[in-house]
Amino acid sequence: MFITFEGIDFSGKSTQAKLLFDYLKKKKKKVIFVREPGGTKLSEKIRKLLLDKKNDNMTYVSEFLLFSASRNQLTNEVIIPHLKKGYIVICDRYFDSSTAYQGYGGKIELKSLILVNKLASASLTPERTYLLNISYKDSVKRKSKTGTDDRIEKRKEEYYNKVVKGYLEIAKLNKKRFRVLNATETKEKIFNKILQDLNI
């Protein structure tokens, strides 16, 4: 089974993905946790390029193509081989992130973006995607406690509002796969909803 977690930064998606990984590991399930961008030697190098604040002149198209290159490596090197071995693969972000961030946020034509997403993911679609839905203002409150941000996290409210809206639109178009969760609830409450939904 291939499960992905989506949401803007500081939505709690990584926390929930790791909670699920730890839970399944304790239950002696064959499970692996990966993140985007990253997860392979080449993908981690691409991650550094993407998040480096010095690269603030990077265009949305360049950004999207780098994410796609990283995704293709991760999919072919790690995700597909583990799915073939019967693993549950938990991924922190996948192609829905590109659709929301570079598509709805960066205004890349969705038709072109979806074609590249399909190519980069080797036509692999998650069986379940959990969207941790949070407003930009609530995410900023959480961010202020950490005091850190990368190149993408530095973007303004207007951009992030488009990303949030984009995620909800994607979820609406893929109701069978998506579960939208209120990210302002306690992490325990959110995690219980995930476990009830998966029934594993």
Protein backbone atom coordinates (compact mmCIF):
# COMPACT_ATOMS: atom_id res chain seq x y z
CA MET A 1 0.00 0.00 0.00
CA PHE A 2 1.23 3.46 -0.92
CA ILE A 3 0.18 6.24 1.51
CA THR A 4 1.07 9.91 1.14
CA PHE A 5 0.78 12.92 3.44
CA GLU A 6 0.22 16.42 2.08
CA GLY A 7 -0.23 19.97 3.38
CA ILE A 8 1.56 23.28 3.61
CA ASP A 9 4.61 23.63 5.86
CA PHE A 10 3.93 23.34 9.60
CA SER A 11 0.60 21.58 8.99
CA GLY A 12 1.80 18.54 10.93
CA LYS A 13 1.92 16.19 7.95
CA SER A 14 5.47 14.96 8.73
CA THR A 15 4.48 14.31 12.36
CA GLN A 16 1.48 12.21 11.27
CA ALA A 17 3.52 10.32 8.65
CA LYS A 18 6.13 9.41 11.28
CA LEU A 19 3.48 8.45 13.84
CA LEU A 20 1.96 6.05 11.32
CA PHE A 21 5.38 4.63 10.41
CA ASP A 22 6.23 4.00 14.10
CA TYR A 23 2.78 2.47 14.75
CA LEU A 24 3.07 0.04 11.83
CA LYS A 25 6.65 -0.83 12.75
CA LYS A 26 5.50 -1.79 16.27
CA LYS A 27 2.80 -3.97 14.69
CA LYS A 28 5.62 -5.81 12.83
CA LYS A 29 4.38 -4.64 9.42
CA LYS A 30 6.76 -4.35 6.48
CA VAL A 31 6.87 -0.57 6.20
CA ILE A 32 9.20 2.13 4.90
CA PHE A 33 9.12 5.91 5.34
CA VAL A 34 10.40 8.31 2.66
CA ARG A 35 10.22 12.06 2.10
CA GLU A 36 10.08 14.43 -0.84
CA PRO A 37 12.29 15.83 -2.10
CA GLY A 38 14.91 13.29 -1.04
CA GLY A 39 15.12 9.61 -0.24
CA THR A 40 18.00 8.71 -2.59
CA LYS A 41 21.57 9.96 -2.94
CA LEU A 42 20.73 12.06 -6.01
CA SER A 43 17.36 13.23 -4.64
CA GLU A 44 18.99 14.52 -1.43
CA LYS A 45 21.40 16.61 -3.53
CA ILE A 46 18.44 18.05 -5.44
CA ARG A 47 16.73 18.78 -2.09
CA LYS A 48 19.67 20.97 -1.04
CA LEU A 49 19.44 22.94 -4.29
CA LEU A 50 15.69 23.42 -3.93
CA LEU A 51 15.71 24.61 -0.32
CA ASP A 52 18.87 26.73 -0.37
CA LYS A 53 17.95 30.38 0.28
CA LYS A 54 20.81 31.49 -2.01
CA ASN A 55 18.83 30.17 -5.01
CA ASP A 56 16.10 32.80 -4.68
CA ASN A 57 16.16 33.55 -8.43
CA MET A 58 14.95 30.02 -9.29
CA THR A 59 11.88 30.06 -11.53
CA TYR A 60 8.75 28.02 -10.76
CA VAL A 61 9.38 25.88 -13.85
CA SER A 62 12.98 25.09 -12.79
CA GLU A 63 11.71 24.35 -9.30
CA PHE A 64 9.02 22.01 -10.64
CA LEU A 65 11.44 20.15 -12.92
CA LEU A 66 13.92 19.65 -10.07
CA PHE A 67 11.15 18.29 -7.82
CA SER A 68 10.10 16.00 -10.68
CA ALA A 69 13.66 14.71 -11.19
CA SER A 70 13.96 13.97 -7.48
CA ARG A 71 10.55 12.24 -7.51
CA ASN A 72 11.47 10.03 -10.45
CA GLN A 73 14.62 8.80 -8.72
CA LEU A 74 12.77 8.11 -5.48
CA THR A 75 9.91 6.33 -7.26
CA ASN A 76 12.14 4.05 -9.32
CA GLU A 77 14.89 3.46 -6.77
CA VAL A 78 12.85 3.07 -3.59
CA ILE A 79 9.04 3.23 -3.80
CA ILE A 80 8.27 0.77 -6.63
CA PRO A 81 10.84 -1.87 -5.53
CA HIS A 82 9.45 -1.82 -1.96
CA LEU A 83 5.82 -2.00 -3.14
CA LYS A 84 6.78 -5.05 -5.21
CA LYS A 85 8.22 -6.66 -2.06
CA GLY A 86 4.90 -6.15 -0.25
CA TYR A 87 5.87 -3.12 1.85
CA ILE A 88 3.57 -0.34 3.00
CA VAL A 89 5.27 2.83 1.70
CA ILE A 90 4.60 6.07 3.60
CA CYS A 91 5.70 9.20 1.76
CA ASP A 92 5.90 12.73 3.17
CA ARG A 93 4.74 14.63 0.04
CA TYR A 94 4.37 13.31 -3.52
CA PHE A 95 3.15 14.74 -6.85
CA ASP A 96 0.15 16.52 -5.26
CA SER A 97 2.68 18.90 -3.68
CA SER A 98 3.88 19.96 -7.14
CA THR A 99 0.31 20.48 -8.33
CA ALA A 100 -0.47 22.65 -5.29
CA TYR A 101 2.82 24.57 -4.95
CA GLN A 102 4.05 25.04 -8.52
CA GLY A 103 0.67 24.68 -10.23
CA TYR A 104 -1.86 26.58 -8.13
CA GLY A 105 0.80 28.64 -6.32
CA GLY A 106 3.29 29.19 -9.15
CA LYS A 107 0.70 29.32 -11.93
CA ILE A 108 2.31 26.65 -14.12
CA GLU A 109 -0.28 25.40 -16.59
CA LEU A 110 -1.99 22.45 -14.90
CA LYS A 111 -2.31 20.40 -18.09
CA SER A 112 1.48 20.42 -18.66
CA LEU A 113 2.19 19.92 -14.97
CA ILE A 114 -0.06 16.82 -14.75
CA LEU A 115 1.69 15.26 -17.77
CA VAL A 116 5.13 15.72 -16.17
CA ASN A 117 3.78 14.47 -12.81
CA LYS A 118 2.67 11.26 -14.53
CA LEU A 119 6.07 10.83 -16.18
CA ALA A 120 8.03 11.59 -12.99
CA SER A 121 5.95 9.21 -10.87
CA ALA A 122 6.04 6.40 -13.47
CA SER A 123 2.20 6.66 -13.45
CA LEU A 124 2.17 5.55 -9.79
CA THR A 125 -0.73 6.99 -7.77
CA PRO A 126 -1.04 6.70 -3.97
CA GLU A 127 -3.90 4.55 -2.68
CA ARG A 128 -4.56 7.00 0.15
CA THR A 129 -3.56 10.64 0.62
CA TYR A 130 -4.06 12.52 3.89
CA LEU A 131 -4.28 16.28 3.52
CA LEU A 132 -3.53 18.15 6.75
CA ASN A 133 -5.53 21.29 6.09
CA ILE A 134 -4.40 24.45 7.86
CA SER A 135 -4.64 28.17 7.08
CA TYR A 136 -1.52 30.16 6.27
CA LYS A 137 -2.01 32.26 9.44
CA ASP A 138 -2.13 29.16 11.66
CA SER A 139 0.96 27.74 9.97
CA VAL A 140 2.84 31.03 10.61
CA LYS A 141 1.99 30.81 14.34
CA ARG A 142 3.61 27.36 14.43
CA LYS A 143 6.54 28.50 12.32
CA SER A 144 7.29 31.39 14.72
CA LYS A 145 8.06 28.82 17.43
CA THR A 146 10.82 27.24 15.33
CA GLY A 147 12.37 30.42 13.93
CA THR A 148 13.54 28.69 10.75
CA ASP A 149 12.55 28.85 7.11
CA ASP A 150 13.91 27.60 3.79
CA ARG A 151 13.70 29.16 0.31
CA ILE A 152 10.08 28.10 -0.26
CA GLU A 153 8.87 28.78 3.29
CA LYS A 154 9.95 32.45 2.85
CA ARG A 155 7.14 33.08 0.36
CA LYS A 156 4.32 35.48 1.14
CA GLU A 157 0.76 34.96 2.33
CA GLU A 158 -0.80 35.48 -1.10
CA TYR A 159 1.22 32.57 -2.50
CA TYR A 160 0.37 30.22 0.38
CA ASN A 161 -3.33 31.06 0.21
CA LYS A 162 -3.28 29.86 -3.41
CA VAL A 163 -1.50 26.66 -2.34
CA VAL A 164 -4.08 25.96 0.43
CA LYS A 165 -6.92 26.58 -2.03
CA GLY A 166 -5.17 24.39 -4.59
CA TYR A 167 -4.84 21.48 -2.18
CA LEU A 168 -8.57 21.61 -1.38
CA GLU A 169 -9.37 21.70 -5.10
CA ILE A 170 -7.14 18.65 -5.73
CA ALA A 171 -8.82 16.80 -2.85
CA LYS A 172 -12.26 17.63 -4.26
CA LEU A 173 -11.25 16.22 -7.65
CA ASN A 174 -9.85 13.03 -6.06
CA LYS A 175 -12.41 12.24 -3.34
CA LYS A 176 -11.83 8.49 -3.44
CA ARG A 177 -8.12 8.84 -2.63
CA PHE A 178 -8.05 11.92 -0.38
CA ARG A 179 -8.98 12.37 3.26
CA VAL A 180 -8.98 16.00 4.41
CA LEU A 181 -8.10 16.40 8.09
CA ASN A 182 -8.36 19.48 10.29
CA ALA A 183 -4.71 20.18 11.13
CA THR A 184 -5.63 22.44 14.09
CA GLU A 185 -6.90 19.44 16.09
CA THR A 186 -4.56 17.63 18.49
CA LYS A 187 -2.07 15.27 16.90
CA GLU A 188 -3.60 12.38 18.87
CA LYS A 189 -7.11 13.11 17.54
CA ILE A 190 -5.82 13.40 13.96
CA PHE A 191 -3.84 10.18 14.26
CA ASN A 192 -6.86 8.27 15.59
CA LYS A 193 -8.86 9.40 12.55
CA ILE A 194 -6.08 8.10 10.27
CA LEU A 195 -6.02 4.73 12.03
CA GLN A 196 -9.83 4.43 11.83
CA ASP A 197 -9.71 5.24 8.14
CA LEU A 198 -6.95 2.74 7.34
CA ASN A 199 -8.33 0.04 9.62
CA ILE A 200 -4.92 -1.65 9.96
